[in-house]
Amino acid sequence: MKKSYFRFFIILASVALIGVAITQVYWVKKAVTFREEQFNNQIRIAMKSVMAQLVQSNNDSTIKLMESQPGCKMKRTSIYDVIDKEELKELLQKEIKCMKVKRDYEYAVYCKETGQFAMGVYENYKDCLLDSDHQVSLSCLCKTNDYYLTVFFPNQRSKLLLQMIGWLILSAIFILAVVFSFYYTISTLMRQKKLSEMKSDFVNNMTHEFKTPISTISLASEMLLRPNVNESADKTKKYGKIIYDENIRLQNQVERVLQISILDRGDMKIKPKELDMHKVIRKLIVNFKLRLQDSKGKLDINLDAEKTIINADRVHVVNMISNLLDNARKYSQGAPQIKLNTFNDCNGIVITVEDKGVGISSEYQKQIFKKLYRVPTGNIHDVKGFGIGLYYIKTMAEAHGGKIEVKSELGKGSTFKLYLPFKSKNNEEG
């Protein structure tokens, strides 16, 4: 997939996800608003029913008498003559219960003109009762004063949300599930895209790595076929050595490629045996120093570890240290300056390989141990490789119960620290 298409797909999917989330939030909000309106209608109907019953029970001469008298401004008003406190309380309880509303509430009858309360339970919620949305005029009972029946439900919105908590949680779960699925899908696509690019680079590198020794072998073979070359033993030996060296190089490249398949299948088993790490290192650096002479490099060795016997697979240990030394040589600028140190740490031995090479920027240091990963260098390809060396080291170190770490600064070099325990966690023999 082209980068432009991939970017367009991500943007489109992101917009769609945001749209779904906004729509879901909108409908949740609408559901809460609808539930509030439904509740308000229920209370309104209950209060209207209470008023109707009060009018019916007080439809006598008392009401007519009150209508003919001038309004009273005393705290105890004539509203008591038409409304009985206990009757009002019982009617409210009955009608609110009939509406299947099971919440605590406060109620009162007050004069809107004076702001004075005539009856009800209002001591703790006077201001709330005066501003309540649930009010009904009592003008049909007492036209001489502006009396209102008011009802207030403490924590109305929070209790309403509590009733809907199941649906709200379910909605939130669905939104989170969609977001997580989107994130997982996009991250998977990006990983697959990156892996595809790494595999393409690997194939290109592998083709180049194989093509060079094959071409060299072909040219050397062609030279050996010439009649005049066979007349000189030195020339025959020279071209024969070239073929032999390039064949060894080709075998090594094939072996590295096969390592990827073996590591992926998990078939690479370690065979731990007792090893003296200092003896292994001393033997290994003899050959490495020969390769280092061609580039006029220098290797400083400080074997300071006191306990050097570990339980590990010799082949893999040699490969791990060789890869670290080869990397230090390959990524050095000019004549390589390499230091190899050993010391004991906790329950094992630590081997450090330090170079003064190109270094690795912090953004790539966590990536270099991944399979087929190579630090981007633009169009410069002066260092050959498949990107499996450090992945191999990390895999084998962990198989032994150890680990590999790196400290590096761009342009100043790198230090790799390989820790191997005295006893491998895999004691499988054979």
Protein backbone atom coordinates (compact mmCIF):
# COMPACT_ATOMS: atom_id res chain seq x y z
CA MET A 1 0.00 0.00 0.00
CA LYS A 2 1.33 3.43 -0.94
CA LYS A 3 2.10 5.86 1.87
CA SER A 4 -0.50 8.35 0.62
CA TYR A 5 -3.23 5.66 0.58
CA PHE A 6 -2.18 4.41 3.99
CA ARG A 7 -2.24 7.92 5.44
CA PHE A 8 -5.64 8.58 3.83
CA PHE A 9 -7.01 5.36 5.32
CA ILE A 10 -5.81 6.31 8.81
CA ILE A 11 -7.30 9.81 8.55
CA LEU A 12 -10.61 8.45 7.22
CA ALA A 13 -10.81 5.80 9.94
CA SER A 14 -9.93 8.38 12.62
CA VAL A 15 -12.65 10.76 11.44
CA ALA A 16 -15.15 7.89 11.36
CA LEU A 17 -14.18 6.84 14.87
CA ILE A 18 -14.51 10.39 16.18
CA GLY A 19 -17.90 10.63 14.46
CA VAL A 20 -19.08 7.39 16.07
CA ALA A 21 -17.88 8.53 19.49
CA ILE A 22 -19.57 11.95 19.15
CA THR A 23 -22.79 10.34 17.94
CA GLN A 24 -22.76 7.91 20.85
CA VAL A 25 -22.18 10.71 23.36
CA TYR A 26 -24.94 12.74 21.70
CA TRP A 27 -27.47 9.94 22.02
CA VAL A 28 -26.47 9.25 25.60
CA LYS A 29 -27.02 12.92 26.37
CA LYS A 30 -30.37 12.83 24.57
CA ALA A 31 -31.36 9.74 26.57
CA VAL A 32 -30.51 11.49 29.85
CA THR A 33 -32.47 14.59 28.76
CA PHE A 34 -35.43 12.44 27.74
CA ARG A 35 -35.33 10.63 31.08
CA GLU A 36 -35.34 13.97 32.89
CA GLU A 37 -38.30 15.20 30.86
CA GLN A 38 -40.14 11.96 31.53
CA PHE A 39 -39.49 12.33 35.26
CA ASN A 40 -40.61 15.98 35.21
CA ASN A 41 -43.82 14.99 33.43
CA GLN A 42 -44.49 12.30 36.00
CA ILE A 43 -44.13 14.79 38.87
CA ARG A 44 -46.22 17.36 36.99
CA ILE A 45 -49.03 14.83 36.52
CA ALA A 46 -48.81 13.81 40.19
CA MET A 47 -49.07 17.43 41.36
CA LYS A 48 -51.97 18.15 38.99
CA SER A 49 -53.75 15.11 40.38
CA VAL A 50 -53.18 16.36 43.91
CA MET A 51 -54.65 19.74 42.95
CA ALA A 52 -57.68 18.13 41.36
CA GLN A 53 -58.39 16.11 44.49
CA LEU A 54 -57.93 19.18 46.73
CA VAL A 55 -60.36 21.17 44.57
CA GLN A 56 -62.90 18.38 44.66
CA SER A 57 -62.69 18.01 48.45
CA ASN A 58 -62.93 21.76 49.05
CA ASN A 59 -65.64 22.69 46.57
CA ASP A 60 -68.01 24.22 49.18
CA SER A 61 -69.00 27.54 50.66
CA THR A 62 -65.64 27.97 52.40
CA ILE A 63 -63.94 28.66 49.09
CA LYS A 64 -66.62 31.17 48.13
CA LEU A 65 -66.25 32.89 51.46
CA MET A 66 -62.48 33.15 51.04
CA GLU A 67 -62.92 34.59 47.58
CA SER A 68 -65.07 37.40 48.98
CA GLN A 69 -62.57 38.36 51.74
CA PRO A 70 -59.60 40.70 51.16
CA GLY A 71 -56.14 39.09 51.08
CA CYS A 72 -54.39 38.46 54.43
CA LYS A 73 -50.73 39.29 54.90
CA MET A 74 -50.22 37.38 58.11
CA LYS A 75 -47.78 34.48 58.30
CA ARG A 76 -50.62 32.13 59.17
CA THR A 77 -52.91 32.63 56.18
CA SER A 78 -56.36 31.44 55.31
CA ILE A 79 -54.81 28.75 53.08
CA TYR A 80 -55.09 26.54 56.15
CA ASP A 81 -58.86 26.78 55.82
CA VAL A 82 -58.82 25.06 52.45
CA ILE A 83 -55.81 22.73 52.68
CA ASP A 84 -55.22 20.28 55.46
CA LYS A 85 -51.50 19.59 56.05
CA GLU A 86 -51.92 15.87 56.62
CA GLU A 87 -54.24 15.50 53.66
CA LEU A 88 -51.70 17.29 51.41
CA LYS A 89 -48.90 15.07 52.66
CA GLU A 90 -50.91 11.87 52.09
CA LEU A 91 -52.06 12.95 48.62
CA LEU A 92 -48.48 13.76 47.54
CA GLN A 93 -47.17 10.45 48.83
CA LYS A 94 -49.96 8.56 47.10
CA GLU A 95 -49.65 10.27 43.71
CA ILE A 96 -45.84 10.23 43.59
CA LYS A 97 -45.85 6.56 44.53
CA CYS A 98 -48.46 5.95 41.85
CA MET A 99 -45.98 7.36 39.32
CA LYS A 100 -43.45 4.75 40.53
CA VAL A 101 -41.05 7.43 41.72
CA LYS A 102 -39.04 6.09 44.63
CA ARG A 103 -37.01 9.10 45.74
CA ASP A 104 -36.85 11.33 48.75
CA TYR A 105 -38.45 14.73 48.25
CA GLU A 106 -39.31 17.92 50.10
CA TYR A 107 -42.51 19.93 49.56
CA ALA A 108 -44.05 23.20 50.70
CA VAL A 109 -46.85 25.68 50.09
CA TYR A 110 -45.63 29.28 49.87
CA CYS A 111 -46.82 32.72 48.92
CA LYS A 112 -44.97 33.91 45.86
CA GLU A 113 -45.75 37.55 46.62
CA THR A 114 -44.21 37.55 50.14
CA GLY A 115 -41.91 34.52 49.85
CA GLN A 116 -43.35 33.14 53.11
CA PHE A 117 -43.91 29.42 53.58
CA ALA A 118 -47.32 28.34 54.82
CA MET A 119 -46.89 24.58 55.27
CA GLY A 120 -44.77 21.57 54.31
CA VAL A 121 -41.22 20.30 54.97
CA TYR A 122 -38.99 23.17 53.94
CA GLU A 123 -36.50 24.05 56.69
CA ASN A 124 -33.37 22.68 54.93
CA TYR A 125 -34.29 23.48 51.33
CA LYS A 126 -36.05 26.87 51.29
CA ASP A 127 -34.07 28.32 48.36
CA CYS A 128 -34.25 25.06 46.42
CA LEU A 129 -38.02 24.86 46.91
CA LEU A 130 -38.48 28.47 45.75
CA ASP A 131 -36.44 27.72 42.56
CA SER A 132 -37.78 24.21 41.93
CA ASP A 133 -39.01 23.22 38.47
CA HIS A 134 -41.87 21.29 40.06
CA GLN A 135 -44.43 23.96 41.03
CA VAL A 136 -48.16 24.36 40.58
CA SER A 137 -50.36 27.37 41.33
CA LEU A 138 -53.08 27.10 44.00
CA SER A 139 -55.14 29.95 42.52
CA CYS A 140 -58.04 27.61 41.96
CA LEU A 141 -58.20 27.10 45.72
CA CYS A 142 -57.28 30.57 46.96
CA LYS A 143 -57.57 33.36 44.43
CA THR A 144 -56.85 36.16 46.89
CA ASN A 145 -53.19 35.21 47.29
CA ASP A 146 -50.53 33.95 44.90
CA TYR A 147 -49.92 30.56 46.56
CA TYR A 148 -47.89 27.76 45.01
CA LEU A 149 -47.34 24.10 45.82
CA THR A 150 -43.65 23.24 45.22
CA VAL A 151 -41.78 19.93 45.34
CA PHE A 152 -37.99 19.48 45.32
CA PHE A 153 -35.99 16.28 44.80
CA PRO A 154 -32.47 16.53 46.31
CA ASN A 155 -29.70 15.29 43.99
CA GLN A 156 -32.24 14.73 41.23
CA ARG A 157 -29.75 14.57 38.34
CA SER A 158 -27.24 12.33 40.12
CA LYS A 159 -29.95 9.88 41.14
CA LEU A 160 -31.32 9.91 37.62
CA LEU A 161 -27.86 9.07 36.27
CA LEU A 162 -27.54 6.38 38.93
CA GLN A 163 -30.72 4.77 37.61
CA MET A 164 -29.23 4.77 34.12
CA ILE A 165 -25.76 3.70 35.23
CA GLY A 166 -26.08 0.28 33.60
CA TRP A 167 -26.78 1.72 30.15
CA LEU A 168 -24.16 4.44 30.60
CA ILE A 169 -21.49 1.89 31.54
CA LEU A 170 -22.51 -0.34 28.63
CA SER A 171 -22.27 2.62 26.25
CA ALA A 172 -18.85 3.57 27.65
CA ILE A 173 -17.66 -0.03 27.23
CA PHE A 174 -18.77 -0.07 23.59
CA ILE A 175 -17.01 3.25 22.90
CA LEU A 176 -13.81 2.02 24.58
CA ALA A 177 -14.05 -1.27 22.67
CA VAL A 178 -14.33 0.60 19.37
CA VAL A 179 -11.40 2.89 20.30
CA PHE A 180 -9.26 -0.06 21.38
CA SER A 181 -10.13 -2.03 18.24
CA PHE A 182 -9.25 0.97 16.10
CA TYR A 183 -5.96 1.49 17.92
CA TYR A 184 -5.08 -2.20 17.72
CA THR A 185 -5.95 -2.38 14.02
CA ILE A 186 -3.95 0.72 13.13
CA SER A 187 -0.95 -0.30 15.25
CA THR A 188 -1.05 -3.78 13.69
CA LEU A 189 -1.18 -2.30 10.19
CA MET A 190 1.73 -0.01 10.99
CA ARG A 191 3.76 -2.91 12.41
CA GLN A 192 2.99 -5.02 9.37
CA LYS A 193 3.91 -2.14 7.07
CA LYS A 194 7.17 -1.60 8.92
CA LEU A 195 7.90 -5.33 8.92
CA SER A 196 7.21 -5.46 5.18
CA GLU A 197 9.67 -2.61 4.60
CA MET A 198 12.27 -4.34 6.80
CA LYS A 199 11.82 -7.59 4.89
CA SER A 200 12.22 -5.74 1.59
CA ASP A 201 15.44 -4.19 2.88
CA PHE A 202 16.54 -7.62 4.09
CA VAL A 203 15.95 -9.16 0.65
CA ASN A 204 17.85 -6.30 -1.00
CA ASN A 205 20.76 -6.63 1.43
CA MET A 206 20.79 -10.41 1.11
CA THR A 207 20.80 -10.16 -2.68
CA HIS A 208 23.73 -7.75 -2.55
CA GLU A 209 25.60 -9.82 0.03
CA PHE A 210 25.19 -13.01 -2.03
CA LYS A 211 25.86 -11.33 -5.35
CA THR A 212 29.29 -10.01 -4.34
CA PRO A 213 30.95 -13.35 -3.39
CA ILE A 214 29.23 -15.14 -6.26
CA SER A 215 30.58 -12.56 -8.72
CA THR A 216 34.06 -12.82 -7.19
CA ILE A 217 34.01 -16.62 -7.37
CA SER A 218 32.83 -16.41 -10.98
CA LEU A 219 35.67 -14.05 -11.95
CA ALA A 220 38.31 -16.11 -10.12
CA SER A 221 37.03 -19.31 -11.79
CA GLU A 222 37.14 -17.59 -15.16
CA MET A 223 40.77 -16.59 -14.54
CA LEU A 224 41.68 -20.17 -13.62
CA LEU A 225 40.30 -21.36 -16.94
CA ARG A 226 42.75 -19.24 -18.89
CA PRO A 227 45.74 -21.23 -20.22
CA ASN A 228 48.42 -18.77 -19.13
CA VAL A 229 47.21 -18.81 -15.48
CA ASN A 230 47.79 -22.56 -15.18
CA GLU A 231 51.43 -22.06 -16.11
CA SER A 232 51.98 -20.10 -12.85
CA ALA A 233 51.53 -21.98 -9.57
CA ASP A 234 51.39 -18.69 -7.64
CA LYS A 235 48.52 -17.36 -9.73
CA THR A 236 46.66 -20.65 -9.45
CA LYS A 237 47.10 -20.57 -5.69
CA LYS A 238 46.04 -16.93 -5.54
CA TYR A 239 42.79 -17.45 -7.43
CA GLY A 240 42.12 -20.71 -5.61
CA LYS A 241 42.42 -18.88 -2.27
CA ILE A 242 40.04 -16.19 -3.51
CA ILE A 243 37.47 -18.84 -4.39
CA TYR A 244 37.96 -20.55 -1.03
CA ASP A 245 37.65 -17.30 0.99
CA GLU A 246 34.57 -16.13 -0.91
CA ASN A 247 33.00 -19.56 -0.53
CA ILE A 248 33.52 -19.35 3.26
CA ARG A 249 32.02 -15.87 3.20
CA LEU A 250 29.04 -17.15 1.25
CA GLN A 251 28.56 -20.02 3.71
CA ASN A 252 28.57 -17.56 6.62
CA GLN A 253 25.91 -15.44 4.94
CA VAL A 254 23.73 -18.49 4.33
CA GLU A 255 24.19 -19.51 7.98
CA ARG A 256 23.00 -16.11 9.14
CA VAL A 257 19.90 -16.31 6.99
CA LEU A 258 19.14 -19.77 8.36
CA GLN A 259 19.44 -18.41 11.90
CA ILE A 260 16.36 -16.26 11.31
CA SER A 261 14.23 -19.27 10.40
CA ILE A 262 15.54 -21.27 13.36
CA LEU A 263 14.92 -18.44 15.81
CA ASP A 264 11.38 -17.88 14.47
CA ARG A 265 10.50 -21.56 14.86
CA GLY A 266 12.00 -21.69 18.33
CA ASP A 267 14.11 -24.72 17.37
CA MET A 268 17.40 -23.23 18.51
CA LYS A 269 17.99 -25.05 21.80
CA ILE A 270 20.92 -24.31 24.04
CA LYS A 271 23.15 -27.05 25.39
CA PRO A 272 24.68 -25.66 28.59
CA LYS A 273 28.08 -26.91 29.77
CA GLU A 274 30.67 -25.49 32.11
CA LEU A 275 32.71 -22.78 30.41
CA ASP A 276 35.61 -20.64 31.54
CA MET A 277 34.64 -17.33 29.98
CA HIS A 278 38.15 -15.90 30.08
CA LYS A 279 39.52 -18.90 28.18
CA VAL A 280 36.73 -18.58 25.63
CA ILE A 281 37.40 -14.86 25.19
CA ARG A 282 41.18 -15.26 24.89
CA LYS A 283 40.77 -17.87 22.19
CA LEU A 284 38.18 -15.85 20.36
CA ILE A 285 40.18 -12.62 20.23
CA VAL A 286 43.16 -14.32 18.58
CA ASN A 287 41.23 -14.59 15.30
CA PHE A 288 39.54 -11.24 15.81
CA LYS A 289 42.88 -9.42 16.15
CA LEU A 290 43.92 -10.81 12.77
CA ARG A 291 40.86 -9.24 11.15
CA LEU A 292 41.48 -6.04 13.07
CA GLN A 293 45.01 -5.69 11.65
CA ASP A 294 43.66 -4.96 8.17
CA SER A 295 42.05 -1.76 9.45
CA LYS A 296 44.96 -0.93 11.80
CA GLY A 297 42.61 -1.12 14.76
CA LYS A 298 43.34 -1.61 18.45
CA LEU A 299 41.71 -3.91 21.01
CA ASP A 300 42.18 -3.29 24.75
CA ILE A 301 41.25 -6.19 27.02
CA ASN A 302 40.57 -6.01 30.77
CA LEU A 303 39.47 -9.35 32.17
CA ASP A 304 38.62 -8.28 35.73
CA ALA A 305 35.99 -10.87 36.59
CA GLU A 306 37.04 -13.09 39.51
CA LYS A 307 34.41 -15.78 38.95
CA THR A 308 34.60 -16.89 35.34
CA ILE A 309 32.97 -20.35 35.26
CA ILE A 310 29.42 -20.27 33.88
CA ASN A 311 26.96 -22.86 32.64
CA ALA A 312 26.21 -21.98 29.01
CA ASP A 313 26.23 -23.14 25.40
CA ARG A 314 29.74 -22.55 24.03
CA VAL A 315 28.66 -22.10 20.41
CA HIS A 316 26.12 -19.40 21.19
CA VAL A 317 28.37 -17.63 23.69
CA VAL A 318 31.15 -17.43 21.10
CA ASN A 319 28.67 -16.18 18.47
CA MET A 320 27.29 -13.50 20.79
CA ILE A 321 30.70 -12.06 21.68
CA SER A 322 31.91 -12.35 18.07
CA ASN A 323 28.87 -10.42 16.84
CA LEU A 324 29.50 -7.66 19.38
CA LEU A 325 33.16 -7.38 18.37
CA ASP A 326 32.30 -7.44 14.64
CA ASN A 327 29.73 -4.68 15.11
CA ALA A 328 32.27 -2.58 17.04
CA ARG A 329 34.70 -3.01 14.14
CA LYS A 330 32.17 -2.38 11.35
CA TYR A 331 30.64 0.74 12.87
CA SER A 332 33.93 2.41 13.80
CA GLN A 333 35.11 5.42 11.85
CA GLY A 334 38.72 5.14 10.79
CA ALA A 335 40.92 2.78 12.79
CA PRO A 336 38.69 0.92 15.30
CA GLN A 337 39.38 1.56 19.00
CA ILE A 338 37.68 -1.24 20.91
CA LYS A 339 37.65 -2.16 24.59
CA LEU A 340 36.53 -5.52 25.98
CA ASN A 341 36.01 -5.75 29.75
CA THR A 342 34.66 -8.40 32.11
CA PHE A 343 33.49 -8.15 35.71
CA ASN A 344 31.14 -9.94 38.06
CA ASP A 345 27.68 -8.63 38.80
CA CYS A 346 25.10 -10.27 41.09
CA ASN A 347 24.96 -13.93 40.09
CA GLY A 348 26.83 -13.84 36.82
CA ILE A 349 29.47 -12.32 34.62
CA VAL A 350 29.24 -9.16 32.51
CA ILE A 351 31.08 -8.70 29.22
CA THR A 352 31.21 -5.15 27.87
CA VAL A 353 32.31 -4.18 24.38
CA GLU A 354 32.99 -0.48 23.86
CA ASP A 355 33.81 1.33 20.65
CA LYS A 356 34.44 4.90 19.50
CA GLY A 357 32.30 4.53 16.41
CA VAL A 358 29.31 6.30 14.89
CA GLY A 359 27.05 5.66 17.89
CA ILE A 360 23.28 5.23 17.98
CA SER A 361 20.74 7.99 18.66
CA SER A 362 18.39 7.47 21.59
CA GLU A 363 15.31 7.07 19.35
CA TYR A 364 16.77 3.92 17.76
CA GLN A 365 18.36 2.27 20.81
CA LYS A 366 15.21 0.32 21.74
CA GLN A 367 14.69 -0.80 18.15
CA ILE A 368 18.11 -2.26 17.34
CA PHE A 369 17.39 -5.58 19.08
CA LYS A 370 14.36 -6.27 16.89
CA LYS A 371 14.52 -8.80 14.08
CA LEU A 372 15.72 -7.42 10.72
CA TYR A 373 15.97 -3.89 12.13
CA ARG A 374 18.78 -1.68 10.91
CA VAL A 375 19.34 1.92 11.93
CA PRO A 376 18.26 4.18 9.04
CA THR A 377 21.23 5.74 7.24
CA GLY A 378 19.45 7.36 4.29
CA ASN A 379 21.01 6.44 0.98
CA ILE A 380 24.35 5.49 2.56
CA HIS A 381 24.98 1.72 2.58
CA ASP A 382 28.62 1.50 3.60
CA VAL A 383 27.96 -1.10 6.33
CA LYS A 384 26.65 -4.47 5.19
CA GLY A 385 24.43 -6.74 7.23
CA PHE A 386 21.02 -8.38 7.58
CA GLY A 387 19.87 -6.84 10.86
CA ILE A 388 19.84 -10.15 12.76
CA GLY A 389 23.04 -9.97 14.82
CA LEU A 390 21.70 -8.03 17.80
CA TYR A 391 18.36 -9.84 17.59
CA TYR A 392 20.27 -13.12 17.81
CA ILE A 393 22.31 -11.87 20.79
CA LYS A 394 19.18 -10.72 22.66
CA THR A 395 17.36 -14.01 21.96
CA MET A 396 20.29 -16.18 23.06
CA ALA A 397 21.07 -14.04 26.12
CA GLU A 398 17.47 -14.36 27.31
CA ALA A 399 17.53 -18.10 26.56
CA HIS A 400 20.44 -18.35 29.02
CA GLY A 401 18.61 -16.19 31.57
CA GLY A 402 20.76 -13.15 30.78
CA LYS A 403 20.25 -9.85 28.99
CA ILE A 404 21.88 -7.35 26.66
CA GLU A 405 21.91 -3.56 27.15
CA VAL A 406 23.32 -0.64 25.22
CA LYS A 407 24.51 2.85 26.08
CA SER A 408 25.33 5.03 23.13
CA GLU A 409 25.71 8.60 22.01
CA LEU A 410 25.56 9.64 18.40
CA GLY A 411 29.03 10.36 17.06
CA LYS A 412 30.80 9.22 20.24
CA GLY A 413 30.44 5.45 20.17
CA SER A 414 28.54 2.67 21.89
CA THR A 415 28.93 0.31 24.85
CA PHE A 416 27.14 -3.03 24.81
CA LYS A 417 26.78 -4.86 28.11
CA LEU A 418 26.11 -8.62 27.95
CA TYR A 419 25.11 -10.29 31.22
CA LEU A 420 25.20 -14.09 31.55
CA PRO A 421 24.29 -15.88 34.79
CA PHE A 422 26.56 -18.51 36.35
CA LYS A 423 23.78 -21.07 35.85
CA SER A 424 21.66 -21.05 32.72
CA LYS A 425 17.91 -21.22 33.30
CA ASN A 426 17.83 -23.92 30.60
CA ASN A 427 19.81 -26.90 31.92
CA GLU A 428 18.79 -29.13 29.06
CA GLU A 429 21.60 -31.37 27.89
CA GLY A 430 22.02 -33.04 24.52
